[in-house]
N, C-alpha and C. Protein backbone atom coordinates (compact mmCIF):
# COMPACT_ATOMS: atom_id res chain seq x y z
N UNK A 1 -78.44 50.31 -18.54
CA UNK A 1 -78.56 51.13 -17.36
C UNK A 1 -78.47 50.25 -16.13
N UNK A 2 -78.05 50.82 -15.02
CA UNK A 2 -77.91 50.07 -13.79
C UNK A 2 -79.25 49.95 -13.08
N UNK A 3 -79.29 49.08 -12.10
CA UNK A 3 -80.50 48.90 -11.32
C UNK A 3 -80.29 49.46 -9.93
N UNK A 4 -81.38 49.78 -9.22
CA UNK A 4 -81.22 50.32 -7.87
C UNK A 4 -80.49 49.36 -6.95
N UNK A 5 -80.60 48.06 -7.21
CA UNK A 5 -79.99 47.07 -6.34
C UNK A 5 -78.48 46.96 -6.56
N UNK A 6 -77.98 47.47 -7.66
CA UNK A 6 -76.56 47.35 -7.96
C UNK A 6 -75.74 48.09 -6.91
N UNK A 7 -74.80 47.39 -6.28
CA UNK A 7 -73.97 48.09 -5.30
C UNK A 7 -73.05 49.09 -6.00
N UNK A 8 -72.68 50.11 -5.28
CA UNK A 8 -71.78 51.11 -5.84
C UNK A 8 -70.36 50.57 -5.76
N UNK A 9 -69.69 50.45 -6.90
CA UNK A 9 -68.31 49.98 -6.87
C UNK A 9 -67.39 51.08 -6.35
N UNK A 10 -66.27 50.67 -5.78
CA UNK A 10 -65.29 51.69 -5.41
C UNK A 10 -64.72 52.26 -6.71
N UNK A 11 -64.20 53.48 -6.67
CA UNK A 11 -63.71 54.11 -7.90
C UNK A 11 -62.66 53.28 -8.64
N UNK A 12 -61.78 52.61 -7.91
CA UNK A 12 -60.74 51.81 -8.58
C UNK A 12 -61.36 50.70 -9.42
N UNK A 13 -62.42 50.10 -8.92
CA UNK A 13 -63.12 49.05 -9.67
C UNK A 13 -63.90 49.64 -10.83
N UNK A 14 -64.62 50.72 -10.56
CA UNK A 14 -65.46 51.34 -11.59
C UNK A 14 -64.63 51.79 -12.78
N UNK A 15 -63.45 52.32 -12.52
CA UNK A 15 -62.64 52.91 -13.59
C UNK A 15 -61.42 52.07 -13.96
N UNK A 16 -61.41 50.81 -13.58
CA UNK A 16 -60.25 49.94 -13.84
C UNK A 16 -59.92 49.84 -15.32
N UNK A 17 -60.92 49.82 -16.17
CA UNK A 17 -60.70 49.66 -17.61
C UNK A 17 -60.74 51.00 -18.36
N UNK A 18 -60.83 52.08 -17.63
CA UNK A 18 -60.97 53.40 -18.26
C UNK A 18 -59.67 53.83 -18.94
N UNK A 19 -59.80 54.50 -20.08
CA UNK A 19 -58.61 55.09 -20.70
C UNK A 19 -58.03 56.17 -19.78
N UNK A 20 -56.87 56.66 -20.11
CA UNK A 20 -56.27 57.72 -19.30
C UNK A 20 -57.18 58.95 -19.26
N UNK A 21 -57.01 59.75 -18.24
CA UNK A 21 -57.80 60.97 -18.12
C UNK A 21 -57.57 61.86 -19.34
N UNK A 22 -56.33 61.98 -19.78
CA UNK A 22 -56.02 62.81 -20.95
C UNK A 22 -56.76 62.30 -22.18
N UNK A 23 -56.75 60.99 -22.38
CA UNK A 23 -57.45 60.41 -23.54
C UNK A 23 -58.94 60.69 -23.46
N UNK A 24 -59.52 60.58 -22.27
CA UNK A 24 -60.96 60.82 -22.12
C UNK A 24 -61.31 62.29 -22.32
N UNK A 25 -60.47 63.19 -21.83
CA UNK A 25 -60.71 64.62 -22.06
C UNK A 25 -60.70 64.88 -23.57
N UNK A 26 -59.76 64.28 -24.26
CA UNK A 26 -59.70 64.43 -25.72
C UNK A 26 -60.95 63.89 -26.39
N UNK A 27 -61.42 62.73 -25.95
CA UNK A 27 -62.64 62.14 -26.54
C UNK A 27 -63.83 63.06 -26.32
N UNK A 28 -63.99 63.56 -25.10
CA UNK A 28 -65.11 64.46 -24.79
C UNK A 28 -65.01 65.72 -25.64
N UNK A 29 -63.83 66.28 -25.76
CA UNK A 29 -63.65 67.51 -26.55
C UNK A 29 -63.98 67.28 -28.02
N UNK A 30 -63.63 66.12 -28.54
CA UNK A 30 -63.91 65.83 -29.96
C UNK A 30 -65.40 65.67 -30.25
N UNK A 31 -66.20 65.47 -29.23
CA UNK A 31 -67.65 65.29 -29.43
C UNK A 31 -68.39 66.62 -29.56
N UNK A 32 -67.68 67.72 -29.30
CA UNK A 32 -68.31 69.04 -29.40
C UNK A 32 -68.94 69.22 -30.76
N UNK A 33 -70.12 69.76 -30.78
CA UNK A 33 -70.81 70.00 -32.04
C UNK A 33 -71.72 68.87 -32.44
N UNK A 34 -71.56 67.70 -31.83
CA UNK A 34 -72.46 66.59 -32.14
C UNK A 34 -73.56 66.53 -31.08
N UNK A 35 -74.62 65.82 -31.40
CA UNK A 35 -75.73 65.67 -30.45
C UNK A 35 -75.26 64.77 -29.30
N UNK A 36 -75.22 65.28 -28.07
CA UNK A 36 -74.73 64.45 -26.97
C UNK A 36 -75.68 63.29 -26.67
N UNK A 37 -75.11 62.09 -26.59
CA UNK A 37 -75.90 60.91 -26.26
C UNK A 37 -75.47 60.42 -24.87
N UNK A 38 -75.99 59.29 -24.47
CA UNK A 38 -75.70 58.79 -23.12
C UNK A 38 -74.20 58.52 -22.95
N UNK A 39 -73.57 57.95 -23.98
CA UNK A 39 -72.14 57.68 -23.87
C UNK A 39 -71.37 58.97 -23.59
N UNK A 40 -71.73 60.05 -24.25
CA UNK A 40 -71.06 61.33 -24.02
C UNK A 40 -71.22 61.76 -22.56
N UNK A 41 -72.47 61.80 -22.08
CA UNK A 41 -72.71 62.26 -20.70
C UNK A 41 -72.04 61.35 -19.69
N UNK A 42 -72.05 60.04 -19.95
CA UNK A 42 -71.43 59.09 -19.05
C UNK A 42 -69.92 59.27 -19.01
N UNK A 43 -69.28 59.33 -20.17
CA UNK A 43 -67.83 59.46 -20.20
C UNK A 43 -67.38 60.81 -19.66
N UNK A 44 -68.15 61.86 -19.94
CA UNK A 44 -67.82 63.18 -19.38
C UNK A 44 -67.92 63.15 -17.86
N UNK A 45 -69.02 62.61 -17.34
CA UNK A 45 -69.19 62.55 -15.89
C UNK A 45 -68.11 61.69 -15.24
N UNK A 46 -67.76 60.59 -15.89
CA UNK A 46 -66.74 59.70 -15.33
C UNK A 46 -65.37 60.37 -15.29
N UNK A 47 -65.00 61.07 -16.34
CA UNK A 47 -63.68 61.71 -16.33
C UNK A 47 -63.65 62.85 -15.32
N UNK A 48 -64.74 63.59 -15.18
CA UNK A 48 -64.79 64.63 -14.16
C UNK A 48 -64.71 64.02 -12.76
N UNK A 49 -65.38 62.88 -12.56
CA UNK A 49 -65.33 62.19 -11.27
C UNK A 49 -63.90 61.75 -10.98
N UNK A 50 -63.23 61.20 -11.96
CA UNK A 50 -61.85 60.74 -11.78
C UNK A 50 -60.93 61.91 -11.44
N UNK A 51 -61.12 63.03 -12.11
CA UNK A 51 -60.30 64.22 -11.81
C UNK A 51 -60.56 64.68 -10.38
N UNK A 52 -61.83 64.72 -9.99
CA UNK A 52 -62.19 65.16 -8.64
C UNK A 52 -61.60 64.23 -7.58
N UNK A 53 -61.63 62.94 -7.84
CA UNK A 53 -61.04 61.98 -6.90
C UNK A 53 -59.54 62.23 -6.73
N UNK A 54 -58.84 62.46 -7.83
CA UNK A 54 -57.40 62.75 -7.76
C UNK A 54 -57.13 64.05 -7.02
N UNK A 55 -57.94 65.07 -7.32
CA UNK A 55 -57.77 66.36 -6.65
C UNK A 55 -58.01 66.21 -5.14
N UNK A 56 -59.07 65.51 -4.77
CA UNK A 56 -59.40 65.34 -3.35
C UNK A 56 -58.32 64.56 -2.61
N UNK A 57 -57.68 63.62 -3.30
CA UNK A 57 -56.62 62.83 -2.68
C UNK A 57 -55.30 63.60 -2.58
N UNK A 58 -55.15 64.63 -3.40
CA UNK A 58 -53.86 65.32 -3.49
C UNK A 58 -53.81 66.68 -2.82
N UNK A 59 -54.95 67.32 -2.68
CA UNK A 59 -54.96 68.71 -2.25
C UNK A 59 -55.91 68.94 -1.08
N UNK A 60 -55.74 70.09 -0.46
CA UNK A 60 -56.64 70.50 0.63
C UNK A 60 -58.06 70.64 0.09
N UNK A 61 -59.05 70.44 0.95
CA UNK A 61 -60.45 70.51 0.49
C UNK A 61 -60.80 71.77 -0.28
N UNK A 62 -60.31 72.91 0.16
CA UNK A 62 -60.66 74.15 -0.54
C UNK A 62 -60.04 74.22 -1.94
N UNK A 63 -58.93 73.55 -2.14
CA UNK A 63 -58.29 73.50 -3.46
C UNK A 63 -59.03 72.51 -4.37
N UNK A 64 -59.46 71.40 -3.80
CA UNK A 64 -60.15 70.37 -4.58
C UNK A 64 -61.61 70.71 -4.84
N UNK A 65 -62.16 71.65 -4.11
CA UNK A 65 -63.60 71.95 -4.19
C UNK A 65 -64.10 72.24 -5.61
N UNK A 66 -63.40 73.04 -6.42
CA UNK A 66 -63.91 73.28 -7.78
C UNK A 66 -64.02 72.01 -8.62
N UNK A 67 -63.05 71.11 -8.50
CA UNK A 67 -63.11 69.86 -9.25
C UNK A 67 -64.25 68.99 -8.76
N UNK A 68 -64.47 68.97 -7.46
CA UNK A 68 -65.57 68.18 -6.89
C UNK A 68 -66.91 68.75 -7.34
N UNK A 69 -67.02 70.06 -7.36
CA UNK A 69 -68.26 70.69 -7.82
C UNK A 69 -68.51 70.41 -9.30
N UNK A 70 -67.46 70.47 -10.10
CA UNK A 70 -67.61 70.16 -11.54
C UNK A 70 -68.03 68.71 -11.74
N UNK A 71 -67.47 67.80 -10.93
CA UNK A 71 -67.86 66.39 -11.03
C UNK A 71 -69.32 66.20 -10.64
N UNK A 72 -69.75 66.90 -9.61
CA UNK A 72 -71.15 66.81 -9.19
C UNK A 72 -72.08 67.33 -10.28
N UNK A 73 -71.70 68.43 -10.91
CA UNK A 73 -72.51 69.00 -12.01
C UNK A 73 -72.59 68.03 -13.19
N UNK A 74 -71.47 67.43 -13.55
CA UNK A 74 -71.46 66.49 -14.67
C UNK A 74 -72.27 65.24 -14.34
N UNK A 75 -72.18 64.79 -13.10
CA UNK A 75 -72.97 63.62 -12.68
C UNK A 75 -74.46 63.92 -12.75
N UNK A 76 -74.84 65.12 -12.34
CA UNK A 76 -76.25 65.51 -12.41
C UNK A 76 -76.73 65.54 -13.85
N UNK A 77 -75.88 65.96 -14.78
CA UNK A 77 -76.26 65.94 -16.20
C UNK A 77 -76.57 64.52 -16.66
N UNK A 78 -75.76 63.55 -16.22
CA UNK A 78 -76.03 62.16 -16.58
C UNK A 78 -77.33 61.68 -15.95
N UNK A 79 -77.55 62.00 -14.68
CA UNK A 79 -78.79 61.60 -14.01
C UNK A 79 -79.99 62.17 -14.76
N UNK A 80 -79.91 63.43 -15.14
CA UNK A 80 -81.01 64.06 -15.88
C UNK A 80 -81.21 63.40 -17.24
N UNK A 81 -80.12 63.08 -17.92
CA UNK A 81 -80.23 62.40 -19.21
C UNK A 81 -80.91 61.05 -19.02
N UNK A 82 -80.45 60.29 -18.04
CA UNK A 82 -81.04 58.98 -17.79
C UNK A 82 -82.51 59.08 -17.39
N UNK A 83 -82.86 60.10 -16.64
CA UNK A 83 -84.26 60.29 -16.25
C UNK A 83 -85.13 60.59 -17.46
N UNK A 84 -84.59 61.35 -18.40
CA UNK A 84 -85.35 61.74 -19.59
C UNK A 84 -85.39 60.63 -20.64
N UNK A 85 -84.26 59.97 -20.86
CA UNK A 85 -84.14 59.04 -21.99
C UNK A 85 -84.12 57.55 -21.62
N UNK A 86 -83.78 57.24 -20.40
CA UNK A 86 -83.59 55.83 -20.03
C UNK A 86 -84.62 55.33 -19.03
N UNK A 87 -85.54 56.19 -18.61
CA UNK A 87 -86.55 55.77 -17.65
C UNK A 87 -86.07 55.74 -16.21
N UNK A 88 -84.92 56.33 -15.95
CA UNK A 88 -84.41 56.39 -14.58
C UNK A 88 -85.33 57.25 -13.74
N UNK A 89 -85.63 56.79 -12.56
CA UNK A 89 -86.37 57.60 -11.60
C UNK A 89 -85.41 57.96 -10.48
N UNK A 90 -84.92 59.20 -10.44
CA UNK A 90 -84.00 59.57 -9.37
C UNK A 90 -84.56 59.27 -7.98
N UNK A 91 -85.86 59.42 -7.82
CA UNK A 91 -86.46 59.13 -6.53
C UNK A 91 -86.36 57.63 -6.23
N UNK A 92 -86.67 56.80 -7.21
CA UNK A 92 -86.59 55.36 -7.02
C UNK A 92 -85.18 54.88 -6.73
N UNK A 93 -84.21 55.55 -7.31
CA UNK A 93 -82.81 55.20 -7.09
C UNK A 93 -82.24 55.92 -5.87
N UNK A 94 -83.05 56.78 -5.25
CA UNK A 94 -82.61 57.61 -4.13
C UNK A 94 -81.38 58.43 -4.52
N UNK A 95 -81.47 59.04 -5.70
CA UNK A 95 -80.39 59.90 -6.19
C UNK A 95 -80.71 61.33 -5.78
N UNK A 96 -80.33 61.67 -4.56
CA UNK A 96 -80.71 62.95 -3.99
C UNK A 96 -79.52 63.90 -3.92
N UNK A 97 -78.41 63.43 -3.43
CA UNK A 97 -77.26 64.29 -3.19
C UNK A 97 -76.25 64.21 -4.33
N UNK A 98 -75.30 65.12 -4.31
CA UNK A 98 -74.22 65.08 -5.30
C UNK A 98 -73.44 63.77 -5.20
N UNK A 99 -73.24 63.27 -3.98
CA UNK A 99 -72.54 61.99 -3.81
C UNK A 99 -73.34 60.85 -4.44
N UNK A 100 -74.68 60.89 -4.28
CA UNK A 100 -75.53 59.87 -4.92
C UNK A 100 -75.34 59.91 -6.43
N UNK A 101 -75.28 61.11 -6.99
CA UNK A 101 -75.14 61.25 -8.44
C UNK A 101 -73.80 60.70 -8.91
N UNK A 102 -72.75 60.99 -8.15
CA UNK A 102 -71.43 60.49 -8.53
C UNK A 102 -71.36 58.96 -8.39
N UNK A 103 -72.04 58.41 -7.40
CA UNK A 103 -72.10 56.95 -7.27
C UNK A 103 -72.85 56.34 -8.46
N UNK A 104 -73.90 57.02 -8.93
CA UNK A 104 -74.62 56.56 -10.12
C UNK A 104 -73.67 56.51 -11.31
N UNK A 105 -72.83 57.52 -11.45
CA UNK A 105 -71.85 57.55 -12.54
C UNK A 105 -70.95 56.32 -12.45
N UNK A 106 -70.47 55.99 -11.27
CA UNK A 106 -69.56 54.85 -11.11
C UNK A 106 -70.26 53.53 -11.45
N UNK A 107 -71.49 53.36 -10.98
CA UNK A 107 -72.23 52.13 -11.31
C UNK A 107 -72.46 52.05 -12.82
N UNK A 108 -72.89 53.17 -13.40
CA UNK A 108 -73.19 53.20 -14.83
C UNK A 108 -71.93 52.98 -15.67
N UNK A 109 -70.82 53.59 -15.27
CA UNK A 109 -69.58 53.43 -16.03
C UNK A 109 -69.11 51.98 -15.98
N UNK A 110 -69.16 51.37 -14.82
CA UNK A 110 -68.74 49.97 -14.71
C UNK A 110 -69.60 49.08 -15.59
N UNK A 111 -70.91 49.28 -15.55
CA UNK A 111 -71.81 48.48 -16.39
C UNK A 111 -71.53 48.72 -17.87
N UNK A 112 -71.33 49.98 -18.24
CA UNK A 112 -71.05 50.33 -19.64
C UNK A 112 -69.72 49.73 -20.10
N UNK A 113 -68.69 49.81 -19.26
CA UNK A 113 -67.37 49.32 -19.66
C UNK A 113 -67.35 47.79 -19.78
N UNK A 114 -68.26 47.12 -19.12
CA UNK A 114 -68.32 45.65 -19.20
C UNK A 114 -69.24 45.16 -20.31
N UNK A 115 -69.97 46.08 -20.93
CA UNK A 115 -70.92 45.65 -21.97
C UNK A 115 -70.27 45.53 -23.33
């Protein structure tokens, strides 16, 4: 897990080693029916974040809004998982807004991909 002091990497750095979005969607879909663990929530949140970033860069805000909302929801699921299972304190990490949650996903994904 990341620490509060860890700076938030830019998305290009966080996802530099990530498989393609299509491959990650396939991986997430194949996990259906199994007990979701941290890797599941992390990879799901990361792929949703990556999709939202692409949508926001390509389309008008109102068109990208559903993808951004889905990314925020997936990021919150990871924050909740980490709070329950990993000892994360959202207050201690100042994880208040949807943007904070998505930044947590990027820090966590970078740490996970380097481990």
